[in-house]
Amino acid sequence: MSAIHPEITDILIRTFKVPAAEILPDSTMDSLEMDSLAVAEFAVIVKEKLGVDAGSDKLYKDATLADITRFIDETVGGVTTASGEAAMSNSR
């Protein structure tokens, strides 16, 4: 499991009061009832806590937590695409 996953879980539980039982790799921001404003706030918190600029284009409502975790891991790890953006795969 990723070292980032507990950080994401903590943010969702403490800040957004998401029940821990609902925080699964396949959960999406939408399934966690995170509206656009909450997703934007989540992105700001991720940037502040983890130093990752995860704008709304990366944290779209249909992204799974596995996708988001992978994006953050790859960004922190320095894995980027030719365009300079962190790679984000849809594979699980």
PDB file of N, CA and C in Angstrom:
ATOM      1  N   MET A   1       0.850  -1.185   0.000  1.00  0.00           N
ATOM      2  CA  MET A   1       0.000   0.000   0.000  1.00  0.00           C
ATOM      3  C   MET A   1       0.889   1.238   0.000  1.00  0.00           C
ATOM      4  N   SER A   2       0.427   2.241  -0.641  1.00  0.00           N
ATOM      5  CA  SER A   2       1.156   3.493  -0.774  1.00  0.00           C
ATOM      6  C   SER A   2       1.277   4.209   0.573  1.00  0.00           C
ATOM      7  N   ALA A   3       2.386   4.902   0.758  1.00  0.00           N
ATOM      8  CA  ALA A   3       2.575   5.724   1.956  1.00  0.00           C
ATOM      9  C   ALA A   3       1.662   6.944   1.923  1.00  0.00           C
ATOM     10  N   ILE A   4       1.195   7.302   0.735  1.00  0.00           N
ATOM     11  CA  ILE A   4       0.311   8.467   0.569  1.00  0.00           C
ATOM     12  C   ILE A   4      -1.121   8.138   0.982  1.00  0.00           C
ATOM     13  N   HIS A   5      -1.523   6.879   0.808  1.00  0.00           N
ATOM     14  CA  HIS A   5      -2.912   6.491   1.091  1.00  0.00           C
ATOM     15  C   HIS A   5      -3.360   6.874   2.506  1.00  0.00           C
ATOM     16  N   PRO A   6      -2.565   6.615   3.549  1.00  0.00           N
ATOM     17  CA  PRO A   6      -3.002   7.034   4.891  1.00  0.00           C
ATOM     18  C   PRO A   6      -3.191   8.548   5.018  1.00  0.00           C
ATOM     19  N   GLU A   7      -2.374   9.314   4.301  1.00  0.00           N
ATOM     20  CA  GLU A   7      -2.510  10.776   4.324  1.00  0.00           C
ATOM     21  C   GLU A   7      -3.846  11.200   3.708  1.00  0.00           C
ATOM     22  N   ILE A   8      -4.170  10.597   2.571  1.00  0.00           N
ATOM     23  CA  ILE A   8      -5.438  10.901   1.899  1.00  0.00           C
ATOM     24  C   ILE A   8      -6.609  10.498   2.786  1.00  0.00           C
ATOM     25  N   THR A   9      -6.507   9.314   3.384  1.00  0.00           N
ATOM     26  CA  THR A   9      -7.559   8.829   4.272  1.00  0.00           C
ATOM     27  C   THR A   9      -7.752   9.787   5.442  1.00  0.00           C
ATOM     28  N   ASP A  10      -6.657  10.226   6.028  1.00  0.00           N
ATOM     29  CA  ASP A  10      -6.723  11.149   7.161  1.00  0.00           C
ATOM     30  C   ASP A  10      -7.408  12.459   6.769  1.00  0.00           C
ATOM     31  N   ILE A  11      -7.055  12.992   5.621  1.00  0.00           N
ATOM     32  CA  ILE A  11      -7.677  14.236   5.144  1.00  0.00           C
ATOM     33  C   ILE A  11      -9.180  14.032   4.972  1.00  0.00           C
ATOM     34  N   LEU A  12      -9.562  12.935   4.337  1.00  0.00           N
ATOM     35  CA  LEU A  12     -10.985  12.691   4.090  1.00  0.00           C
ATOM     36  C   LEU A  12     -11.765  12.500   5.390  1.00  0.00           C
ATOM     37  N   ILE A  13     -11.185  11.799   6.340  1.00  0.00           N
ATOM     38  CA  ILE A  13     -11.874  11.547   7.610  1.00  0.00           C
ATOM     39  C   ILE A  13     -11.944  12.808   8.460  1.00  0.00           C
ATOM     40  N   ARG A  14     -10.816  13.461   8.663  1.00  0.00           N
ATOM     41  CA  ARG A  14     -10.763  14.603   9.587  1.00  0.00           C
ATOM     42  C   ARG A  14     -11.401  15.871   9.025  1.00  0.00           C
ATOM     43  N   THR A  15     -11.129  16.171   7.770  1.00  0.00           N
ATOM     44  CA  THR A  15     -11.607  17.432   7.204  1.00  0.00           C
ATOM     45  C   THR A  15     -13.013  17.319   6.637  1.00  0.00           C
ATOM     46  N   PHE A  16     -13.275  16.206   5.954  1.00  0.00           N
ATOM     47  CA  PHE A  16     -14.547  16.087   5.242  1.00  0.00           C
ATOM     48  C   PHE A  16     -15.521  15.127   5.913  1.00  0.00           C
ATOM     49  N   LYS A  17     -15.117  14.558   7.057  1.00  0.00           N
ATOM     50  CA  LYS A  17     -15.977  13.681   7.860  1.00  0.00           C
ATOM     51  C   LYS A  17     -16.513  12.489   7.070  1.00  0.00           C
ATOM     52  N   VAL A  18     -15.690  11.977   6.159  1.00  0.00           N
ATOM     53  CA  VAL A  18     -16.057  10.782   5.389  1.00  0.00           C
ATOM     54  C   VAL A  18     -15.840   9.579   6.303  1.00  0.00           C
ATOM     55  N   PRO A  19     -16.844   8.711   6.448  1.00  0.00           N
ATOM     56  CA  PRO A  19     -16.665   7.514   7.272  1.00  0.00           C
ATOM     57  C   PRO A  19     -15.546   6.635   6.714  1.00  0.00           C
ATOM     58  N   ALA A  20     -14.674   6.170   7.595  1.00  0.00           N
ATOM     59  CA  ALA A  20     -13.519   5.364   7.184  1.00  0.00           C
ATOM     60  C   ALA A  20     -13.933   4.149   6.360  1.00  0.00           C
ATOM     61  N   ALA A  21     -15.065   3.555   6.674  1.00  0.00           N
ATOM     62  CA  ALA A  21     -15.532   2.360   5.954  1.00  0.00           C
ATOM     63  C   ALA A  21     -15.831   2.641   4.485  1.00  0.00           C
ATOM     64  N   GLU A  22     -16.066   3.909   4.133  1.00  0.00           N
ATOM     65  CA  GLU A  22     -16.382   4.276   2.757  1.00  0.00           C
ATOM     66  C   GLU A  22     -15.133   4.596   1.929  1.00  0.00           C
ATOM     67  N   ILE A  23     -13.993   4.694   2.578  1.00  0.00           N
ATOM     68  CA  ILE A  23     -12.754   5.077   1.886  1.00  0.00           C
ATOM     69  C   ILE A  23     -12.077   3.809   1.376  1.00  0.00           C
ATOM     70  N   LEU A  24     -12.410   3.486   0.137  1.00  0.00           N
ATOM     71  CA  LEU A  24     -11.910   2.290  -0.526  1.00  0.00           C
ATOM     72  C   LEU A  24     -11.168   2.690  -1.797  1.00  0.00           C
ATOM     73  N   PRO A  25     -10.263   1.856  -2.297  1.00  0.00           N
ATOM     74  CA  PRO A  25      -9.538   2.202  -3.530  1.00  0.00           C
ATOM     75  C   PRO A  25     -10.459   2.537  -4.705  1.00  0.00           C
ATOM     76  N   ASP A  26     -11.620   1.876  -4.786  1.00  0.00           N
ATOM     77  CA  ASP A  26     -12.554   2.112  -5.890  1.00  0.00           C
ATOM     78  C   ASP A  26     -13.494   3.289  -5.653  1.00  0.00           C
ATOM     79  N   SER A  27     -13.462   3.882  -4.459  1.00  0.00           N
ATOM     80  CA  SER A  27     -14.337   5.018  -4.168  1.00  0.00           C
ATOM     81  C   SER A  27     -13.928   6.208  -5.027  1.00  0.00           C
ATOM     82  N   THR A  28     -14.921   6.925  -5.515  1.00  0.00           N
ATOM     83  CA  THR A  28     -14.673   8.159  -6.249  1.00  0.00           C
ATOM     84  C   THR A  28     -15.044   9.337  -5.356  1.00  0.00           C
ATOM     85  N   MET A  29     -14.599  10.506  -5.734  1.00  0.00           N
ATOM     86  CA  MET A  29     -14.976  11.697  -4.977  1.00  0.00           C
ATOM     87  C   MET A  29     -16.499  11.842  -4.987  1.00  0.00           C
ATOM     88  N   ASP A  30     -17.100  11.517  -6.116  1.00  0.00           N
ATOM     89  CA  ASP A  30     -18.554  11.599  -6.236  1.00  0.00           C
ATOM     90  C   ASP A  30     -19.232  10.605  -5.306  1.00  0.00           C
ATOM     91  N   SER A  31     -18.732   9.365  -5.251  1.00  0.00           N
ATOM     92  CA  SER A  31     -19.358   8.361  -4.379  1.00  0.00           C
ATOM     93  C   SER A  31     -19.178   8.700  -2.902  1.00  0.00           C
ATOM     94  N   LEU A  32     -18.168   9.502  -2.591  1.00  0.00           N
ATOM     95  CA  LEU A  32     -17.958   9.967  -1.214  1.00  0.00           C
ATOM     96  C   LEU A  32     -18.743  11.239  -0.924  1.00  0.00           C
ATOM     97  N   GLU A  33     -19.588  11.631  -1.893  1.00  0.00           N
ATOM     98  CA  GLU A  33     -20.447  12.808  -1.804  1.00  0.00           C
ATOM     99  C   GLU A  33     -19.643  14.099  -1.654  1.00  0.00           C
ATOM    100  N   MET A  34     -18.517  14.144  -2.379  1.00  0.00           N
ATOM    101  CA  MET A  34     -17.679  15.338  -2.409  1.00  0.00           C
ATOM    102  C   MET A  34     -18.118  16.172  -3.614  1.00  0.00           C
ATOM    103  N   ASP A  35     -18.701  17.325  -3.359  1.00  0.00           N
ATOM    104  CA  ASP A  35     -19.106  18.189  -4.461  1.00  0.00           C
ATOM    105  C   ASP A  35     -17.881  18.934  -4.999  1.00  0.00           C
ATOM    106  N   SER A  36     -18.095  19.739  -6.019  1.00  0.00           N
ATOM    107  CA  SER A  36     -16.981  20.441  -6.672  1.00  0.00           C
ATOM    108  C   SER A  36     -16.193  21.314  -5.707  1.00  0.00           C
ATOM    109  N   LEU A  37     -16.877  21.982  -4.797  1.00  0.00           N
ATOM    110  CA  LEU A  37     -16.204  22.835  -3.818  1.00  0.00           C
ATOM    111  C   LEU A  37     -15.343  21.986  -2.875  1.00  0.00           C
ATOM    112  N   ALA A  38     -15.860  20.850  -2.442  1.00  0.00           N
ATOM    113  CA  ALA A  38     -15.107  19.957  -1.559  1.00  0.00           C
ATOM    114  C   ALA A  38     -13.880  19.397  -2.278  1.00  0.00           C
ATOM    115  N   VAL A  39     -14.037  19.054  -3.557  1.00  0.00           N
ATOM    116  CA  VAL A  39     -12.901  18.540  -4.335  1.00  0.00           C
ATOM    117  C   VAL A  39     -11.827  19.623  -4.458  1.00  0.00           C
ATOM    118  N   ALA A  40     -12.240  20.852  -4.697  1.00  0.00           N
ATOM    119  CA  ALA A  40     -11.285  21.960  -4.795  1.00  0.00           C
ATOM    120  C   ALA A  40     -10.573  22.174  -3.454  1.00  0.00           C
ATOM    121  N   GLU A  41     -11.310  22.103  -2.363  1.00  0.00           N
ATOM    122  CA  GLU A  41     -10.708  22.245  -1.035  1.00  0.00           C
ATOM    123  C   GLU A  41      -9.743  21.090  -0.761  1.00  0.00           C
ATOM    124  N   PHE A  42     -10.117  19.881  -1.156  1.00  0.00           N
ATOM    125  CA  PHE A  42      -9.249  18.716  -1.014  1.00  0.00           C
ATOM    126  C   PHE A  42      -7.937  18.952  -1.755  1.00  0.00           C
ATOM    127  N   ALA A  43      -8.022  19.497  -2.972  1.00  0.00           N
ATOM    128  CA  ALA A  43      -6.818  19.776  -3.763  1.00  0.00           C
ATOM    129  C   ALA A  43      -5.906  20.766  -3.046  1.00  0.00           C
ATOM    130  N   VAL A  44      -6.476  21.775  -2.416  1.00  0.00           N
ATOM    131  CA  VAL A  44      -5.689  22.768  -1.684  1.00  0.00           C
ATOM    132  C   VAL A  44      -4.999  22.107  -0.490  1.00  0.00           C
ATOM    133  N   ILE A  45      -5.720  21.267   0.222  1.00  0.00           N
ATOM    134  CA  ILE A  45      -5.152  20.589   1.389  1.00  0.00           C
ATOM    135  C   ILE A  45      -4.034  19.641   0.965  1.00  0.00           C
ATOM    136  N   VAL A  46      -4.233  18.923  -0.144  1.00  0.00           N
ATOM    137  CA  VAL A  46      -3.192  18.024  -0.656  1.00  0.00           C
ATOM    138  C   VAL A  46      -1.943  18.819  -0.982  1.00  0.00           C
ATOM    139  N   LYS A  47      -2.115  19.986  -1.585  1.00  0.00           N
ATOM    140  CA  LYS A  47      -0.961  20.820  -1.922  1.00  0.00           C
ATOM    141  C   LYS A  47      -0.248  21.292  -0.658  1.00  0.00           C
ATOM    142  N   GLU A  48      -1.017  21.727   0.343  1.00  0.00           N
ATOM    143  CA  GLU A  48      -0.428  22.212   1.585  1.00  0.00           C
ATOM    144  C   GLU A  48       0.283  21.099   2.356  1.00  0.00           C
ATOM    145  N   LYS A  49      -0.352  19.928   2.467  1.00  0.00           N
ATOM    146  CA  LYS A  49       0.200  18.844   3.289  1.00  0.00           C
ATOM    147  C   LYS A  49       1.255  18.015   2.572  1.00  0.00           C
ATOM    148  N   LEU A  50       1.058  17.796   1.280  1.00  0.00           N
ATOM    149  CA  LEU A  50       1.922  16.870   0.556  1.00  0.00           C
ATOM    150  C   LEU A  50       2.807  17.553  -0.472  1.00  0.00           C
ATOM    151  N   GLY A  51       2.559  18.840  -0.715  1.00  0.00           N
ATOM    152  CA  GLY A  51       3.378  19.566  -1.669  1.00  0.00           C
ATOM    153  C   GLY A  51       3.107  19.202  -3.117  1.00  0.00           C
ATOM    154  N   VAL A  52       1.936  18.641  -3.378  1.00  0.00           N
ATOM    155  CA  VAL A  52       1.573  18.208  -4.732  1.00  0.00           C
ATOM    156  C   VAL A  52       0.463  19.104  -5.251  1.00  0.00           C
ATOM    157  N   ASP A  53       0.722  19.731  -6.398  1.00  0.00           N
ATOM    158  CA  ASP A  53      -0.301  20.562  -7.024  1.00  0.00           C
ATOM    159  C   ASP A  53      -1.261  19.649  -7.763  1.00  0.00           C
ATOM    160  N   ALA A  54      -2.337  19.310  -7.103  1.00  0.00           N
ATOM    161  CA  ALA A  54      -3.329  18.386  -7.657  1.00  0.00           C
ATOM    162  C   ALA A  54      -4.577  19.181  -8.003  1.00  0.00           C
ATOM    163  N   GLY A  55      -4.491  19.939  -9.064  1.00  0.00           N
ATOM    164  CA  GLY A  55      -5.620  20.764  -9.492  1.00  0.00           C
ATOM    165  C   GLY A  55      -6.838  19.933  -9.847  1.00  0.00           C
ATOM    166  N   SER A  56      -7.926  20.593 -10.074  1.00  0.00           N
ATOM    167  CA  SER A  56      -9.187  19.907 -10.340  1.00  0.00           C
ATOM    168  C   SER A  56      -9.132  19.027 -11.585  1.00  0.00           C
ATOM    169  N   ASP A  57      -8.189  19.302 -12.490  1.00  0.00           N
ATOM    170  CA  ASP A  57      -8.075  18.444 -13.668  1.00  0.00           C
ATOM    171  C   ASP A  57      -7.542  17.064 -13.298  1.00  0.00           C
ATOM    172  N   LYS A  58      -6.856  16.934 -12.174  1.00  0.00           N
ATOM    173  CA  LYS A  58      -6.351  15.642 -11.716  1.00  0.00           C
ATOM    174  C   LYS A  58      -7.284  15.005 -10.687  1.00  0.00           C
ATOM    175  N   LEU A  59      -8.038  15.827  -9.965  1.00  0.00           N
ATOM    176  CA  LEU A  59      -8.922  15.320  -8.924  1.00  0.00           C
ATOM    177  C   LEU A  59     -10.380  15.432  -9.353  1.00  0.00           C
ATOM    178  N   TYR A  60     -10.649  15.004 -10.560  1.00  0.00           N
ATOM    179  CA  TYR A  60     -12.012  15.065 -11.039  1.00  0.00           C
ATOM    180  C   TYR A  60     -12.894  14.119 -10.224  1.00  0.00           C
ATOM    181  N   LYS A  61     -14.190  14.384 -10.224  1.00  0.00           N
ATOM    182  CA  LYS A  61     -15.107  13.663  -9.353  1.00  0.00           C
ATOM    183  C   LYS A  61     -15.197  12.165  -9.641  1.00  0.00           C
ATOM    184  N   ASP A  62     -14.861  11.737 -10.859  1.00  0.00           N
ATOM    185  CA  ASP A  62     -14.936  10.316 -11.201  1.00  0.00           C
ATOM    186  C   ASP A  62     -13.615   9.584 -10.988  1.00  0.00           C
ATOM    187  N   ALA A  63     -12.583  10.286 -10.557  1.00  0.00           N
ATOM    188  CA  ALA A  63     -11.307   9.627 -10.275  1.00  0.00           C
ATOM    189  C   ALA A  63     -11.474   8.774  -9.022  1.00  0.00           C
ATOM    190  N   THR A  64     -10.922   7.566  -9.077  1.00  0.00           N
ATOM    191  CA  THR A  64     -10.976   6.725  -7.881  1.00  0.00           C
ATOM    192  C   THR A  64      -9.872   7.162  -6.934  1.00  0.00           C
ATOM    193  N   LEU A  65      -9.992   6.767  -5.691  1.00  0.00           N
ATOM    194  CA  LEU A  65      -8.935   7.078  -4.737  1.00  0.00           C
ATOM    195  C   LEU A  65      -7.633   6.397  -5.139  1.00  0.00           C
ATOM    196  N   ALA A  66      -7.729   5.234  -5.779  1.00  0.00           N
ATOM    197  CA  ALA A  66      -6.525   4.563  -6.289  1.00  0.00           C
ATOM    198  C   ALA A  66      -5.859   5.429  -7.357  1.00  0.00           C
ATOM    199  N   ASP A  67      -6.661   6.032  -8.246  1.00  0.00           N
ATOM    200  CA  ASP A  67      -6.122   6.923  -9.286  1.00  0.00           C
ATOM    201  C   ASP A  67      -5.447   8.143  -8.656  1.00  0.00           C
ATOM    202  N   ILE A  68      -6.109   8.723  -7.686  1.00  0.00           N
ATOM    203  CA  ILE A  68      -5.588   9.922  -7.028  1.00  0.00           C
ATOM    204  C   ILE A  68      -4.299   9.599  -6.273  1.00  0.00           C
ATOM    205  N   THR A  69      -4.303   8.482  -5.566  1.00  0.00           N
ATOM    206  CA  THR A  69      -3.104   8.057  -4.835  1.00  0.00           C
ATOM    207  C   THR A  69      -1.943   7.817  -5.786  1.00  0.00           C
ATOM    208  N   ARG A  70      -2.223   7.147  -6.894  1.00  0.00           N
ATOM    209  CA  ARG A  70      -1.186   6.869  -7.894  1.00  0.00           C
ATOM    210  C   ARG A  70      -0.627   8.171  -8.462  1.00  0.00           C
ATOM    211  N   PHE A  71      -1.498   9.122  -8.779  1.00  0.00           N
ATOM    212  CA  PHE A  71      -1.061  10.421  -9.301  1.00  0.00           C
ATOM    213  C   PHE A  71      -0.127  11.111  -8.298  1.00  0.00           C
ATOM    214  N   ILE A  72      -0.529  11.140  -7.038  1.00  0.00           N
ATOM    215  CA  ILE A  72       0.289  11.804  -6.023  1.00  0.00           C
ATOM    216  C   ILE A  72       1.612  11.065  -5.844  1.00  0.00           C
ATOM    217  N   ASP A  73       1.563   9.733  -5.771  1.00  0.00           N
ATOM    218  CA  ASP A  73       2.792   8.942  -5.652  1.00  0.00           C
ATOM    219  C   ASP A  73       3.751   9.231  -6.800  1.00  0.00           C
ATOM    220  N   GLU A  74       3.222   9.254  -8.020  1.00  0.00           N
ATOM    221  CA  GLU A  74       4.062   9.480  -9.196  1.00  0.00           C
ATOM    222  C   GLU A  74       4.616  10.898  -9.216  1.00  0.00           C
ATOM    223  N   THR A  75       3.825  11.847  -8.755  1.00  0.00           N
ATOM    224  CA  THR A  75       4.282  13.231  -8.707  1.00  0.00           C
ATOM    225  C   THR A  75       5.372  13.395  -7.659  1.00  0.00           C
ATOM    226  N   VAL A  76       5.161  12.844  -6.490  1.00  0.00           N
ATOM    227  CA  VAL A  76       6.156  12.920  -5.421  1.00  0.00           C
ATOM    228  C   VAL A  76       7.412  12.164  -5.825  1.00  0.00           C
ATOM    229  N   GLY A  77       7.224  11.040  -6.527  1.00  0.00           N
ATOM    230  CA  GLY A  77       8.352  10.234  -6.962  1.00  0.00           C
ATOM    231  C   GLY A  77       9.049  10.778  -8.184  1.00  0.00           C
ATOM    232  N   GLY A  78       8.440  11.784  -8.827  1.00  0.00           N
ATOM    233  CA  GLY A  78       9.071  12.421  -9.974  1.00  0.00           C
ATOM    234  C   GLY A  78       8.834  11.726 -11.299  1.00  0.00           C
ATOM    235  N   VAL A  79       7.857  10.829 -11.369  1.00  0.00           N
ATOM    236  CA  VAL A  79       7.546  10.158 -12.624  1.00  0.00           C
ATOM    237  C   VAL A  79       6.661  11.090 -13.431  1.00  0.00           C
ATOM    238  N   THR A  80       7.155  11.534 -14.594  1.00  0.00           N
ATOM    239  CA  THR A  80       6.394  12.459 -15.420  1.00  0.00           C
ATOM    240  C   THR A  80       6.302  11.955 -16.845  1.00  0.00           C
ATOM    241  N   THR A  81       5.339  12.492 -17.566  1.00  0.00           N
ATOM    242  CA  THR A  81       5.169  12.166 -18.975  1.00  0.00           C
ATOM    243  C   THR A  81       6.014  13.109 -19.804  1.00  0.00           C
ATOM    244  N   ALA A  82       6.028  12.903 -21.118  1.00  0.00           N
ATOM    245  CA  ALA A  82       6.795  13.764 -22.015  1.00  0.00           C
ATOM    246  C   ALA A  82       6.322  15.215 -21.966  1.00  0.00           C
ATOM    247  N   SER A  83       5.043  15.422 -21.652  1.00  0.00           N
ATOM    248  CA  SER A  83       4.520  16.785 -21.597  1.00  0.00           C
ATOM    249  C   SER A  83       4.864  17.476 -20.287  1.00  0.00           C
ATOM    250  N   GLY A  84       5.559  16.735 -19.380  1.00  0.00           N
ATOM    251  CA  GLY A  84       5.944  17.345 -18.117  1.00  0.00           C
ATOM    252  C   GLY A  84       4.927  17.163 -17.011  1.00  0.00           C
ATOM    253  N   GLU A  85       3.796  16.520 -17.312  1.00  0.00           N
ATOM    254  CA  GLU A  85       2.789  16.281 -16.302  1.00  0.00           C
ATOM    255  C   GLU A  85       3.008  14.907 -15.704  1.00  0.00           C
ATOM    256  N   ALA A  86       2.589  14.755 -14.471  1.00  0.00           N
ATOM    257  CA  ALA A  86       2.716  13.442 -13.838  1.00  0.00           C
ATOM    258  C   ALA A  86       1.815  12.452 -14.558  1.00  0.00           C
ATOM    259  N   ALA A  87       2.335  11.263 -14.744  1.00  0.00           N
ATOM    260  CA  ALA A  87       1.563  10.219 -15.410  1.00  0.00           C
ATOM    261  C   ALA A  87       0.407   9.795 -14.512  1.00  0.00           C
ATOM    262  N   MET A  88      -0.763   9.559 -15.114  1.00  0.00           N
ATOM    263  CA  MET A  88      -1.921   9.101 -14.354  1.00  0.00           C
ATOM    264  C   MET A  88      -2.572   7.998 -15.153  1.00  0.00           C
ATOM    265  N   SER A  89      -2.440   6.803 -14.673  1.00  0.00           N
ATOM    266  CA  SER A  89      -2.950   5.630 -15.384  1.00  0.00           C
ATOM    267  C   SER A  89      -4.335   5.279 -14.888  1.00  0.00           C
ATOM    268  N   ASN A  90      -5.134   4.704 -15.750  1.00  0.00           N
ATOM    269  CA  ASN A  90      -6.450   4.228 -15.345  1.00  0.00           C
ATOM    270  C   ASN A  90      -6.415   2.774 -14.936  1.00  0.00           C
ATOM    271  N   SER A  91      -5.260   2.131 -15.024  1.00  0.00           N
ATOM    272  CA  SER A  91      -5.160   0.734 -14.620  1.00  0.00           C
ATOM    273  C   SER A  91      -5.109   0.638 -13.111  1.00  0.00           C
ATOM    274  N   ARG A  92      -5.611  -0.467 -12.600  1.00  0.00           N
ATOM    275  CA  ARG A  92      -5.638  -0.662 -11.149  1.00  0.00           C
ATOM    276  C   ARG A  92      -4.773  -1.805 -10.802  1.00  0.00           C
TER     277      ARG A  92
END
